[in-house]
């Protein structure tokens, strides 16, 4: 699960100096490209690996049913990615990888490149 602050705001810390926003984000998502549209190979990869919860069809169903926003992450170097379902909860936006079961798509934990 990834929590995003509303309007790009950062949490204030009175005890320590905060890490600059771009450095903090780069450390978390290094190598991944994020987009509101899936990579061109997304459908084929999801079909080949039976990854329903990362598919465009599943994301469209979530958008229509729950009003969430879909984002897609892909790392060409590791051949891995994920569909992120972003839900609004009060003032927060909460993103889930492969909602509802989690996980990544591709070559993250296996030897099989997807």
PDB file of N, CA and C in Angstrom:
ATOM      1  N   UNK A   1       0.843  -1.167   0.000  1.00  0.00           N
ATOM      2  CA  UNK A   1       0.000   0.000   0.000  1.00  0.00           C
ATOM      3  C   UNK A   1       0.892   1.235   0.000  1.00  0.00           C
ATOM      4  N   UNK A   2       0.498   2.227  -0.752  1.00  0.00           N
ATOM      5  CA  UNK A   2       1.246   3.469  -0.844  1.00  0.00           C
ATOM      6  C   UNK A   2       0.309   4.602  -0.466  1.00  0.00           C
ATOM      7  N   UNK A   3       0.690   5.466   0.458  1.00  0.00           N
ATOM      8  CA  UNK A   3      -0.145   6.597   0.856  1.00  0.00           C
ATOM      9  C   UNK A   3       0.388   7.872   0.214  1.00  0.00           C
ATOM     10  N   UNK A   4      -0.511   8.614  -0.379  1.00  0.00           N
ATOM     11  CA  UNK A   4      -0.154   9.883  -0.994  1.00  0.00           C
ATOM     12  C   UNK A   4      -0.851  11.003  -0.242  1.00  0.00           C
ATOM     13  N   UNK A   5      -0.142  12.051   0.086  1.00  0.00           N
ATOM     14  CA  UNK A   5      -0.739  13.166   0.787  1.00  0.00           C
ATOM     15  C   UNK A   5      -1.545  14.027  -0.182  1.00  0.00           C
ATOM     16  N   UNK A   6      -2.641  14.621   0.260  1.00  0.00           N
ATOM     17  CA  UNK A   6      -3.466  15.433  -0.638  1.00  0.00           C
ATOM     18  C   UNK A   6      -2.694  16.641  -1.151  1.00  0.00           C
ATOM     19  N   UNK A   7      -2.856  16.929  -2.415  1.00  0.00           N
ATOM     20  CA  UNK A   7      -2.244  18.121  -3.000  1.00  0.00           C
ATOM     21  C   UNK A   7      -0.734  18.125  -2.969  1.00  0.00           C
ATOM     22  N   UNK A   8      -0.120  16.956  -2.819  1.00  0.00           N
ATOM     23  CA  UNK A   8       1.336  16.882  -2.807  1.00  0.00           C
ATOM     24  C   UNK A   8       1.968  17.420  -1.535  1.00  0.00           C
ATOM     25  N   UNK A   9       1.182  17.580  -0.480  1.00  0.00           N
ATOM     26  CA  UNK A   9       1.717  18.117   0.779  1.00  0.00           C
ATOM     27  C   UNK A   9       2.558  17.078   1.491  1.00  0.00           C
ATOM     28  N   UNK A  10       3.555  17.546   2.207  1.00  0.00           N
ATOM     29  CA  UNK A  10       4.418  16.674   2.995  1.00  0.00           C
ATOM     30  C   UNK A  10       4.038  16.779   4.468  1.00  0.00           C
ATOM     31  N   UNK A  11       4.238  15.685   5.174  1.00  0.00           N
ATOM     32  CA  UNK A  11       4.018  15.715   6.618  1.00  0.00           C
ATOM     33  C   UNK A  11       5.101  16.563   7.266  1.00  0.00           C
ATOM     34  N   UNK A  12       4.720  17.359   8.247  1.00  0.00           N
ATOM     35  CA  UNK A  12       5.699  18.196   8.952  1.00  0.00           C
ATOM     36  C   UNK A  12       6.333  17.405  10.075  1.00  0.00           C
ATOM     37  N   UNK A  13       7.617  17.574  10.243  1.00  0.00           N
ATOM     38  CA  UNK A  13       8.345  16.910  11.309  1.00  0.00           C
ATOM     39  C   UNK A  13       9.056  17.980  12.129  1.00  0.00           C
ATOM     40  N   UNK A  14       8.846  17.944  13.441  1.00  0.00           N
ATOM     41  CA  UNK A  14       9.468  18.924  14.315  1.00  0.00           C
ATOM     42  C   UNK A  14      10.773  18.406  14.905  1.00  0.00           C
ATOM     43  N   UNK A  15      11.047  17.093  14.764  1.00  0.00           N
ATOM     44  CA  UNK A  15      12.209  16.494  15.405  1.00  0.00           C
ATOM     45  C   UNK A  15      13.366  16.206  14.464  1.00  0.00           C
ATOM     46  N   UNK A  16      13.111  16.125  13.182  1.00  0.00           N
ATOM     47  CA  UNK A  16      14.179  15.818  12.242  1.00  0.00           C
ATOM     48  C   UNK A  16      13.963  16.558  10.937  1.00  0.00           C
ATOM     49  N   UNK A  17      15.020  16.708  10.214  1.00  0.00           N
ATOM     50  CA  UNK A  17      14.922  17.381   8.937  1.00  0.00           C
ATOM     51  C   UNK A  17      14.308  16.419   7.924  1.00  0.00           C
ATOM     52  N   UNK A  18      13.328  16.879   7.161  1.00  0.00           N
ATOM     53  CA  UNK A  18      12.679  15.993   6.203  1.00  0.00           C
ATOM     54  C   UNK A  18      13.537  15.828   4.952  1.00  0.00           C
ATOM     55  N   UNK A  19      13.371  14.684   4.314  1.00  0.00           N
ATOM     56  CA  UNK A  19      14.088  14.385   3.074  1.00  0.00           C
ATOM     57  C   UNK A  19      13.390  15.136   1.948  1.00  0.00           C
ATOM     58  N   UNK A  20      14.148  15.773   1.050  1.00  0.00           N
ATOM     59  CA  UNK A  20      13.502  16.470  -0.068  1.00  0.00           C
ATOM     60  C   UNK A  20      12.579  15.523  -0.829  1.00  0.00           C
ATOM     61  N   UNK A  21      11.418  16.016  -1.236  1.00  0.00           N
ATOM     62  CA  UNK A  21      10.383  15.209  -1.867  1.00  0.00           C
ATOM     63  C   UNK A  21      10.909  14.397  -3.048  1.00  0.00           C
ATOM     64  N   UNK A  22      11.636  15.007  -3.961  1.00  0.00           N
ATOM     65  CA  UNK A  22      12.090  14.272  -5.142  1.00  0.00           C
ATOM     66  C   UNK A  22      13.065  13.157  -4.782  1.00  0.00           C
ATOM     67  N   UNK A  23      13.915  13.353  -3.785  1.00  0.00           N
ATOM     68  CA  UNK A  23      14.844  12.307  -3.367  1.00  0.00           C
ATOM     69  C   UNK A  23      14.119  11.159  -2.675  1.00  0.00           C
ATOM     70  N   UNK A  24      13.111  11.488  -1.887  1.00  0.00           N
ATOM     71  CA  UNK A  24      12.338  10.462  -1.179  1.00  0.00           C
ATOM     72  C   UNK A  24      11.592   9.594  -2.187  1.00  0.00           C
ATOM     73  N   UNK A  25      10.946  10.211  -3.147  1.00  0.00           N
ATOM     74  CA  UNK A  25      10.198   9.457  -4.156  1.00  0.00           C
ATOM     75  C   UNK A  25      11.149   8.650  -5.023  1.00  0.00           C
ATOM     76  N   UNK A  26      12.267   9.229  -5.441  1.00  0.00           N
ATOM     77  CA  UNK A  26      13.228   8.515  -6.287  1.00  0.00           C
ATOM     78  C   UNK A  26      13.756   7.275  -5.591  1.00  0.00           C
ATOM     79  N   UNK A  27      13.965   7.331  -4.290  1.00  0.00           N
ATOM     80  CA  UNK A  27      14.459   6.176  -3.561  1.00  0.00           C
ATOM     81  C   UNK A  27      13.441   5.050  -3.497  1.00  0.00           C
ATOM     82  N   UNK A  28      12.168   5.377  -3.518  1.00  0.00           N
ATOM     83  CA  UNK A  28      11.112   4.379  -3.433  1.00  0.00           C
ATOM     84  C   UNK A  28      10.834   3.740  -4.786  1.00  0.00           C
ATOM     85  N   UNK A  29      10.809   4.525  -5.824  1.00  0.00           N
ATOM     86  CA  UNK A  29      10.340   4.036  -7.116  1.00  0.00           C
ATOM     87  C   UNK A  29      11.422   4.056  -8.192  1.00  0.00           C
ATOM     88  N   UNK A  30      12.664   3.992  -7.812  1.00  0.00           N
ATOM     89  CA  UNK A  30      13.765   4.062  -8.752  1.00  0.00           C
ATOM     90  C   UNK A  30      13.595   3.059  -9.888  1.00  0.00           C
ATOM     91  N   UNK A  31      13.667   3.550 -11.112  1.00  0.00           N
ATOM     92  CA  UNK A  31      13.596   2.692 -12.279  1.00  0.00           C
ATOM     93  C   UNK A  31      12.203   2.462 -12.828  1.00  0.00           C
ATOM     94  N   UNK A  32      11.177   2.869 -12.115  1.00  0.00           N
ATOM     95  CA  UNK A  32       9.802   2.660 -12.580  1.00  0.00           C
ATOM     96  C   UNK A  32       9.267   3.918 -13.254  1.00  0.00           C
ATOM     97  N   UNK A  33       8.550   3.708 -14.346  1.00  0.00           N
ATOM     98  CA  UNK A  33       7.870   4.788 -15.044  1.00  0.00           C
ATOM     99  C   UNK A  33       6.384   4.654 -14.730  1.00  0.00           C
ATOM    100  N   UNK A  34       5.753   5.770 -14.338  1.00  0.00           N
ATOM    101  CA  UNK A  34       4.342   5.760 -13.978  1.00  0.00           C
ATOM    102  C   UNK A  34       3.545   6.472 -15.061  1.00  0.00           C
ATOM    103  N   UNK A  35       2.351   5.928 -15.339  1.00  0.00           N
ATOM    104  CA  UNK A  35       1.507   6.496 -16.376  1.00  0.00           C
ATOM    105  C   UNK A  35       0.044   6.201 -16.064  1.00  0.00           C
ATOM    106  N   UNK A  36      -0.844   7.040 -16.597  1.00  0.00           N
ATOM    107  CA  UNK A  36      -2.275   6.776 -16.468  1.00  0.00           C
ATOM    108  C   UNK A  36      -2.747   5.797 -17.534  1.00  0.00           C
ATOM    109  N   UNK A  37      -1.903   5.522 -18.510  1.00  0.00           N
ATOM    110  CA  UNK A  37      -2.222   4.528 -19.536  1.00  0.00           C
ATOM    111  C   UNK A  37      -1.246   3.366 -19.394  1.00  0.00           C
ATOM    112  N   UNK A  38      -1.727   2.144 -19.592  1.00  0.00           N
ATOM    113  CA  UNK A  38      -0.850   0.981 -19.420  1.00  0.00           C
ATOM    114  C   UNK A  38       0.174   0.881 -20.545  1.00  0.00           C
ATOM    115  N   UNK A  39       1.295   0.211 -20.292  1.00  0.00           N
ATOM    116  CA  UNK A  39       2.270  -0.018 -21.357  1.00  0.00           C
ATOM    117  C   UNK A  39       1.623  -0.819 -22.488  1.00  0.00           C
ATOM    118  N   UNK A  40       2.152  -0.714 -23.677  1.00  0.00           N
ATOM    119  CA  UNK A  40       1.554  -1.377 -24.839  1.00  0.00           C
ATOM    120  C   UNK A  40       1.498  -2.893 -24.686  1.00  0.00           C
ATOM    121  N   UNK A  41       2.406  -3.468 -23.949  1.00  0.00           N
ATOM    122  CA  UNK A  41       2.451  -4.919 -23.771  1.00  0.00           C
ATOM    123  C   UNK A  41       1.666  -5.398 -22.559  1.00  0.00           C
ATOM    124  N   UNK A  42       0.944  -4.521 -21.893  1.00  0.00           N
ATOM    125  CA  UNK A  42       0.244  -4.861 -20.650  1.00  0.00           C
ATOM    126  C   UNK A  42      -0.752  -5.999 -20.843  1.00  0.00           C
ATOM    127  N   UNK A  43      -1.607  -5.896 -21.852  1.00  0.00           N
ATOM    128  CA  UNK A  43      -2.630  -6.935 -22.057  1.00  0.00           C
ATOM    129  C   UNK A  43      -2.001  -8.298 -22.302  1.00  0.00           C
ATOM    130  N   UNK A  44      -0.988  -8.342 -23.164  1.00  0.00           N
ATOM    131  CA  UNK A  44      -0.340  -9.614 -23.480  1.00  0.00           C
ATOM    132  C   UNK A  44       0.355 -10.199 -22.252  1.00  0.00           C
ATOM    133  N   UNK A  45       1.019  -9.356 -21.468  1.00  0.00           N
ATOM    134  CA  UNK A  45       1.714  -9.824 -20.269  1.00  0.00           C
ATOM    135  C   UNK A  45       0.716 -10.346 -19.242  1.00  0.00           C
ATOM    136  N   UNK A  46      -0.378  -9.618 -19.038  1.00  0.00           N
ATOM    137  CA  UNK A  46      -1.396 -10.058 -18.076  1.00  0.00           C
ATOM    138  C   UNK A  46      -2.030 -11.371 -18.511  1.00  0.00           C
ATOM    139  N   UNK A  47      -2.307 -11.502 -19.798  1.00  0.00           N
ATOM    140  CA  UNK A  47      -2.915 -12.724 -20.300  1.00  0.00           C
ATOM    141  C   UNK A  47      -1.955 -13.911 -20.165  1.00  0.00           C
ATOM    142  N   UNK A  48      -0.698 -13.705 -20.533  1.00  0.00           N
ATOM    143  CA  UNK A  48       0.301 -14.779 -20.482  1.00  0.00           C
ATOM    144  C   UNK A  48       0.550 -15.250 -19.045  1.00  0.00           C
ATOM    145  N   UNK A  49       0.512 -14.328 -18.087  1.00  0.00           N
ATOM    146  CA  UNK A  49       0.807 -14.678 -16.698  1.00  0.00           C
ATOM    147  C   UNK A  49      -0.444 -14.840 -15.831  1.00  0.00           C
ATOM    148  N   UNK A  50      -1.624 -14.764 -16.459  1.00  0.00           N
ATOM    149  CA  UNK A  50      -2.905 -14.883 -15.740  1.00  0.00           C
ATOM    150  C   UNK A  50      -3.001 -13.875 -14.598  1.00  0.00           C
ATOM    151  N   UNK A  51      -2.586 -12.658 -14.865  1.00  0.00           N
ATOM    152  CA  UNK A  51      -2.569 -11.600 -13.842  1.00  0.00           C
ATOM    153  C   UNK A  51      -3.797 -10.703 -13.996  1.00  0.00           C
ATOM    154  N   UNK A  52      -4.959 -11.229 -13.640  1.00  0.00           N
ATOM    155  CA  UNK A  52      -6.215 -10.500 -13.789  1.00  0.00           C
ATOM    156  C   UNK A  52      -6.182  -9.139 -13.093  1.00  0.00           C
ATOM    157  N   UNK A  53      -5.645  -9.074 -11.879  1.00  0.00           N
ATOM    158  CA  UNK A  53      -5.735  -7.856 -11.076  1.00  0.00           C
ATOM    159  C   UNK A  53      -4.811  -6.731 -11.536  1.00  0.00           C
ATOM    160  N   UNK A  54      -3.997  -6.987 -12.563  1.00  0.00           N
ATOM    161  CA  UNK A  54      -3.178  -5.932 -13.163  1.00  0.00           C
ATOM    162  C   UNK A  54      -3.684  -5.559 -14.556  1.00  0.00           C
ATOM    163  N   UNK A  55      -4.744  -6.218 -15.018  1.00  0.00           N
ATOM    164  CA  UNK A  55      -5.232  -6.020 -16.378  1.00  0.00           C
ATOM    165  C   UNK A  55      -6.033  -4.723 -16.531  1.00  0.00           C
ATOM    166  N   UNK A  56      -6.079  -4.225 -17.759  1.00  0.00           N
ATOM    167  CA  UNK A  56      -6.857  -3.018 -18.053  1.00  0.00           C
ATOM    168  C   UNK A  56      -8.340  -3.251 -17.794  1.00  0.00           C
ATOM    169  N   UNK A  57      -8.837  -4.460 -18.113  1.00  0.00           N
ATOM    170  CA  UNK A  57     -10.255  -4.759 -17.888  1.00  0.00           C
ATOM    171  C   UNK A  57     -10.607  -4.673 -16.404  1.00  0.00           C
ATOM    172  N   UNK A  58      -9.733  -5.219 -15.538  1.00  0.00           N
ATOM    173  CA  UNK A  58      -9.983  -5.170 -14.094  1.00  0.00           C
ATOM    174  C   UNK A  58      -9.934  -3.728 -13.593  1.00  0.00           C
ATOM    175  N   UNK A  59      -8.963  -2.974 -14.071  1.00  0.00           N
ATOM    176  CA  UNK A  59      -8.850  -1.583 -13.636  1.00  0.00           C
ATOM    177  C   UNK A  59     -10.065  -0.770 -14.078  1.00  0.00           C
ATOM    178  N   UNK A  60     -10.566  -1.032 -15.281  1.00  0.00           N
ATOM    179  CA  UNK A  60     -11.777  -0.335 -15.768  1.00  0.00           C
ATOM    180  C   UNK A  60     -12.974  -0.674 -14.890  1.00  0.00           C
ATOM    181  N   UNK A  61     -13.097  -1.938 -14.476  1.00  0.00           N
ATOM    182  CA  UNK A  61     -14.187  -2.348 -13.590  1.00  0.00           C
ATOM    183  C   UNK A  61     -14.098  -1.622 -12.249  1.00  0.00           C
ATOM    184  N   UNK A  62     -12.891  -1.528 -11.682  1.00  0.00           N
ATOM    185  CA  UNK A  62     -12.707  -0.816 -10.409  1.00  0.00           C
ATOM    186  C   UNK A  62     -13.042   0.666 -10.551  1.00  0.00           C
ATOM    187  N   UNK A  63     -12.609   1.274 -11.648  1.00  0.00           N
ATOM    188  CA  UNK A  63     -12.899   2.694 -11.881  1.00  0.00           C
ATOM    189  C   UNK A  63     -14.405   2.939 -11.960  1.00  0.00           C
ATOM    190  N   UNK A  64     -15.121   2.075 -12.689  1.00  0.00           N
ATOM    191  CA  UNK A  64     -16.566   2.241 -12.840  1.00  0.00           C
ATOM    192  C   UNK A  64     -17.325   1.926 -11.556  1.00  0.00           C
ATOM    193  N   UNK A  65     -16.854   0.940 -10.809  1.00  0.00           N
ATOM    194  CA  UNK A  65     -17.563   0.503  -9.600  1.00  0.00           C
ATOM    195  C   UNK A  65     -17.264   1.353  -8.371  1.00  0.00           C
ATOM    196  N   UNK A  66     -16.005   1.745  -8.206  1.00  0.00           N
ATOM    197  CA  UNK A  66     -15.599   2.430  -6.982  1.00  0.00           C
ATOM    198  C   UNK A  66     -15.102   3.857  -7.204  1.00  0.00           C
ATOM    199  N   UNK A  67     -15.011   4.283  -8.452  1.00  0.00           N
ATOM    200  CA  UNK A  67     -14.557   5.645  -8.729  1.00  0.00           C
ATOM    201  C   UNK A  67     -13.081   5.871  -8.451  1.00  0.00           C
ATOM    202  N   UNK A  68     -12.288   4.811  -8.447  1.00  0.00           N
ATOM    203  CA  UNK A  68     -10.863   4.979  -8.202  1.00  0.00           C
ATOM    204  C   UNK A  68     -10.163   5.409  -9.492  1.00  0.00           C
ATOM    205  N   UNK A  69      -8.909   5.767  -9.386  1.00  0.00           N
ATOM    206  CA  UNK A  69      -8.082   6.124 -10.536  1.00  0.00           C
ATOM    207  C   UNK A  69      -7.019   5.046 -10.688  1.00  0.00           C
ATOM    208  N   UNK A  70      -6.729   4.653 -11.923  1.00  0.00           N
ATOM    209  CA  UNK A  70      -5.715   3.631 -12.161  1.00  0.00           C
ATOM    210  C   UNK A  70      -4.423   4.260 -12.636  1.00  0.00           C
ATOM    211  N   UNK A  71      -3.326   3.788 -12.084  1.00  0.00           N
ATOM    212  CA  UNK A  71      -1.991   4.163 -12.539  1.00  0.00           C
ATOM    213  C   UNK A  71      -1.242   2.870 -12.859  1.00  0.00           C
ATOM    214  N   UNK A  72      -0.318   2.973 -13.786  1.00  0.00           N
ATOM    215  CA  UNK A  72       0.467   1.807 -14.176  1.00  0.00           C
ATOM    216  C   UNK A  72       1.934   2.125 -13.997  1.00  0.00           C
ATOM    217  N   UNK A  73       2.671   1.195 -13.402  1.00  0.00           N
ATOM    218  CA  UNK A  73       4.115   1.344 -13.198  1.00  0.00           C
ATOM    219  C   UNK A  73       4.811   0.247 -13.986  1.00  0.00           C
ATOM    220  N   UNK A  74       5.917   0.595 -14.643  1.00  0.00           N
ATOM    221  CA  UNK A  74       6.677  -0.421 -15.379  1.00  0.00           C
ATOM    222  C   UNK A  74       8.152  -0.104 -15.308  1.00  0.00           C
ATOM    223  N   UNK A  75       8.957  -1.147 -15.087  1.00  0.00           N
ATOM    224  CA  UNK A  75      10.409  -1.033 -15.076  1.00  0.00           C
ATOM    225  C   UNK A  75      10.932  -1.937 -16.188  1.00  0.00           C
ATOM    226  N   UNK A  76      11.407  -1.342 -17.280  1.00  0.00           N
ATOM    227  CA  UNK A  76      11.869  -2.114 -18.432  1.00  0.00           C
ATOM    228  C   UNK A  76      13.097  -2.951 -18.095  1.00  0.00           C
ATOM    229  N   UNK A  77      13.957  -2.442 -17.226  1.00  0.00           N
ATOM    230  CA  UNK A  77      15.193  -3.150 -16.881  1.00  0.00           C
ATOM    231  C   UNK A  77      14.910  -4.475 -16.170  1.00  0.00           C
ATOM    232  N   UNK A  78      13.968  -4.458 -15.222  1.00  0.00           N
ATOM    233  CA  UNK A  78      13.649  -5.680 -14.480  1.00  0.00           C
ATOM    234  C   UNK A  78      12.442  -6.416 -15.066  1.00  0.00           C
ATOM    235  N   UNK A  79      11.842  -5.860 -16.121  1.00  0.00           N
ATOM    236  CA  UNK A  79      10.635  -6.435 -16.736  1.00  0.00           C
ATOM    237  C   UNK A  79       9.558  -6.679 -15.682  1.00  0.00           C
ATOM    238  N   UNK A  80       9.343  -5.686 -14.833  1.00  0.00           N
ATOM    239  CA  UNK A  80       8.337  -5.801 -13.775  1.00  0.00           C
ATOM    240  C   UNK A  80       7.477  -4.553 -13.745  1.00  0.00           C
ATOM    241  N   UNK A  81       6.292  -4.706 -13.212  1.00  0.00           N
ATOM    242  CA  UNK A  81       5.391  -3.572 -13.112  1.00  0.00           C
ATOM    243  C   UNK A  81       4.214  -3.887 -12.227  1.00  0.00           C
ATOM    244  N   UNK A  82       3.259  -2.971 -12.229  1.00  0.00           N
ATOM    245  CA  UNK A  82       2.065  -3.149 -11.418  1.00  0.00           C
ATOM    246  C   UNK A  82       0.994  -2.171 -11.855  1.00  0.00           C
ATOM    247  N   UNK A  83      -0.225  -2.570 -11.615  1.00  0.00           N
ATOM    248  CA  UNK A  83      -1.341  -1.650 -11.738  1.00  0.00           C
ATOM    249  C   UNK A  83      -1.631  -1.155 -10.327  1.00  0.00           C
ATOM    250  N   UNK A  84      -1.781   0.143 -10.181  1.00  0.00           N
ATOM    251  CA  UNK A  84      -2.091   0.727  -8.883  1.00  0.00           C
ATOM    252  C   UNK A  84      -3.498   1.303  -8.936  1.00  0.00           C
ATOM    253  N   UNK A  85      -4.340   0.898  -8.011  1.00  0.00           N
ATOM    254  CA  UNK A  85      -5.695   1.426  -7.890  1.00  0.00           C
ATOM    255  C   UNK A  85      -5.650   2.482  -6.796  1.00  0.00           C
ATOM    256  N   UNK A  86      -5.945   3.730  -7.161  1.00  0.00           N
ATOM    257  CA  UNK A  86      -5.850   4.846  -6.219  1.00  0.00           C
ATOM    258  C   UNK A  86      -7.253   5.235  -5.771  1.00  0.00           C
ATOM    259  N   UNK A  87      -7.514   5.056  -4.485  1.00  0.00           N
ATOM    260  CA  UNK A  87      -8.815   5.369  -3.894  1.00  0.00           C
ATOM    261  C   UNK A  87      -8.706   6.641  -3.067  1.00  0.00           C
ATOM    262  N   UNK A  88      -9.756   7.425  -3.070  1.00  0.00           N
ATOM    263  CA  UNK A  88      -9.809   8.628  -2.238  1.00  0.00           C
ATOM    264  C   UNK A  88     -10.488   8.250  -0.927  1.00  0.00           C
ATOM    265  N   UNK A  89      -9.846   8.576   0.191  1.00  0.00           N
ATOM    266  CA  UNK A  89     -10.378   8.312   1.522  1.00  0.00           C
ATOM    267  C   UNK A  89     -10.246   9.592   2.330  1.00  0.00           C
ATOM    268  N   UNK A  90     -11.322  10.373   2.380  1.00  0.00           N
ATOM    269  CA  UNK A  90     -11.256  11.677   3.050  1.00  0.00           C
ATOM    270  C   UNK A  90     -10.258  12.551   2.322  1.00  0.00           C
ATOM    271  N   UNK A  91      -9.311  13.134   3.039  1.00  0.00           N
ATOM    272  CA  UNK A  91      -8.329  14.009   2.385  1.00  0.00           C
ATOM    273  C   UNK A  91      -7.153  13.242   1.773  1.00  0.00           C
ATOM    274  N   UNK A  92      -7.160  11.915   1.879  1.00  0.00           N
ATOM    275  CA  UNK A  92      -6.024  11.112   1.419  1.00  0.00           C
ATOM    276  C   UNK A  92      -6.340  10.374   0.132  1.00  0.00           C
ATOM    277  N   UNK A  93      -5.291  10.019  -0.583  1.00  0.00           N
ATOM    278  CA  UNK A  93      -5.373   9.123  -1.731  1.00  0.00           C
ATOM    279  C   UNK A  93      -4.526   7.909  -1.372  1.00  0.00           C
ATOM    280  N   UNK A  94      -5.130   6.715  -1.426  1.00  0.00           N
ATOM    281  CA  UNK A  94      -4.437   5.492  -1.037  1.00  0.00           C
ATOM    282  C   UNK A  94      -4.353   4.582  -2.252  1.00  0.00           C
ATOM    283  N   UNK A  95      -3.131   4.168  -2.598  1.00  0.00           N
ATOM    284  CA  UNK A  95      -2.910   3.329  -3.780  1.00  0.00           C
ATOM    285  C   UNK A  95      -2.581   1.903  -3.358  1.00  0.00           C
ATOM    286  N   UNK A  96      -3.228   0.952  -4.006  1.00  0.00           N
ATOM    287  CA  UNK A  96      -2.982  -0.468  -3.764  1.00  0.00           C
ATOM    288  C   UNK A  96      -2.381  -1.094  -5.016  1.00  0.00           C
ATOM    289  N   UNK A  97      -1.332  -1.876  -4.861  1.00  0.00           N
ATOM    290  CA  UNK A  97      -0.748  -2.625  -5.969  1.00  0.00           C
ATOM    291  C   UNK A  97      -1.599  -3.861  -6.220  1.00  0.00           C
ATOM    292  N   UNK A  98      -2.089  -4.015  -7.450  1.00  0.00           N
ATOM    293  CA  UNK A  98      -2.838  -5.218  -7.804  1.00  0.00           C
ATOM    294  C   UNK A  98      -4.043  -5.474  -6.928  1.00  0.00           C
ATOM    295  N   UNK A  99      -4.796  -4.435  -6.614  1.00  0.00           N
ATOM    296  CA  UNK A  99      -5.969  -4.563  -5.750  1.00  0.00           C
ATOM    297  C   UNK A  99      -6.908  -5.628  -6.308  1.00  0.00           C
ATOM    298  N   UNK A 100      -7.421  -6.555  -5.517  1.00  0.00           N
ATOM    299  CA  UNK A 100      -7.443  -6.632  -4.068  1.00  0.00           C
ATOM    300  C   UNK A 100      -6.407  -7.574  -3.452  1.00  0.00           C
ATOM    301  N   UNK A 101      -5.604  -8.271  -4.244  1.00  0.00           N
ATOM    302  CA  UNK A 101      -4.714  -9.272  -3.658  1.00  0.00           C
ATOM    303  C   UNK A 101      -3.263  -8.834  -3.536  1.00  0.00           C
ATOM    304  N   UNK A 102      -2.889  -7.759  -4.197  1.00  0.00           N
ATOM    305  CA  UNK A 102      -1.518  -7.268  -4.107  1.00  0.00           C
ATOM    306  C   UNK A 102      -0.600  -7.948  -5.103  1.00  0.00           C
ATOM    307  N   UNK A 103       0.668  -7.645  -4.975  1.00  0.00           N
ATOM    308  CA  UNK A 103       1.663  -8.273  -5.826  1.00  0.00           C
ATOM    309  C   UNK A 103       2.072  -7.423  -7.005  1.00  0.00           C
ATOM    310  N   UNK A 104       3.082  -7.922  -7.688  1.00  0.00           N
ATOM    311  CA  UNK A 104       3.644  -7.235  -8.850  1.00  0.00           C
ATOM    312  C   UNK A 104       3.432  -8.101 -10.086  1.00  0.00           C
ATOM    313  N   UNK A 105       3.676  -7.505 -11.217  1.00  0.00           N
ATOM    314  CA  UNK A 105       3.555  -8.178 -12.499  1.00  0.00           C
ATOM    315  C   UNK A 105       4.933  -8.297 -13.118  1.00  0.00           C
ATOM    316  N   UNK A 106       5.304  -9.485 -13.511  1.00  0.00           N
ATOM    317  CA  UNK A 106       6.566  -9.633 -14.218  1.00  0.00           C
ATOM    318  C   UNK A 106       7.648 -10.344 -13.444  1.00  0.00           C
ATOM    319  N   UNK A 107       8.864  -9.948 -13.718  1.00  0.00           N
ATOM    320  CA  UNK A 107      10.055 -10.665 -13.319  1.00  0.00           C
ATOM    321  C   UNK A 107      10.614 -10.213 -11.966  1.00  0.00           C
ATOM    322  N   UNK A 108       9.766  -9.981 -10.992  1.00  0.00           N
ATOM    323  CA  UNK A 108      10.238  -9.494  -9.704  1.00  0.00           C
ATOM    324  C   UNK A 108      10.716 -10.624  -8.803  1.00  0.00           C
ATOM    325  N   UNK A 109       9.911 -11.664  -8.643  1.00  0.00           N
ATOM    326  CA  UNK A 109      10.243 -12.735  -7.717  1.00  0.00           C
ATOM    327  C   UNK A 109      10.467 -14.077  -8.399  1.00  0.00           C
ATOM    328  N   UNK A 110      10.468 -14.104  -9.727  1.00  0.00           N
ATOM    329  CA  UNK A 110      10.650 -15.366 -10.443  1.00  0.00           C
ATOM    330  C   UNK A 110      11.782 -15.227 -11.450  1.00  0.00           C
ATOM    331  N   UNK A 111      12.187 -16.338 -12.023  1.00  0.00           N
ATOM    332  CA  UNK A 111      13.190 -16.326 -13.061  1.00  0.00           C
ATOM    333  C   UNK A 111      12.581 -16.161 -14.455  1.00  0.00           C
ATOM    334  N   UNK A 112      11.249 -16.169 -14.512  1.00  0.00           N
ATOM    335  CA  UNK A 112      10.553 -16.072 -15.785  1.00  0.00           C
ATOM    336  C   UNK A 112      10.326 -14.607 -16.147  1.00  0.00           C
ATOM    337  N   UNK A 113      10.950 -14.123 -17.205  1.00  0.00           N
ATOM    338  CA  UNK A 113      10.756 -12.742 -17.636  1.00  0.00           C
ATOM    339  C   UNK A 113       9.389 -12.620 -18.266  1.00  0.00           C
ATOM    340  N   UNK A 114       8.618 -11.602 -17.850  1.00  0.00           N
ATOM    341  CA  UNK A 114       7.266 -11.417 -18.377  1.00  0.00           C
ATOM    342  C   UNK A 114       7.192 -10.205 -19.263  1.00  0.00           C
TER     343      UNK A 114
END
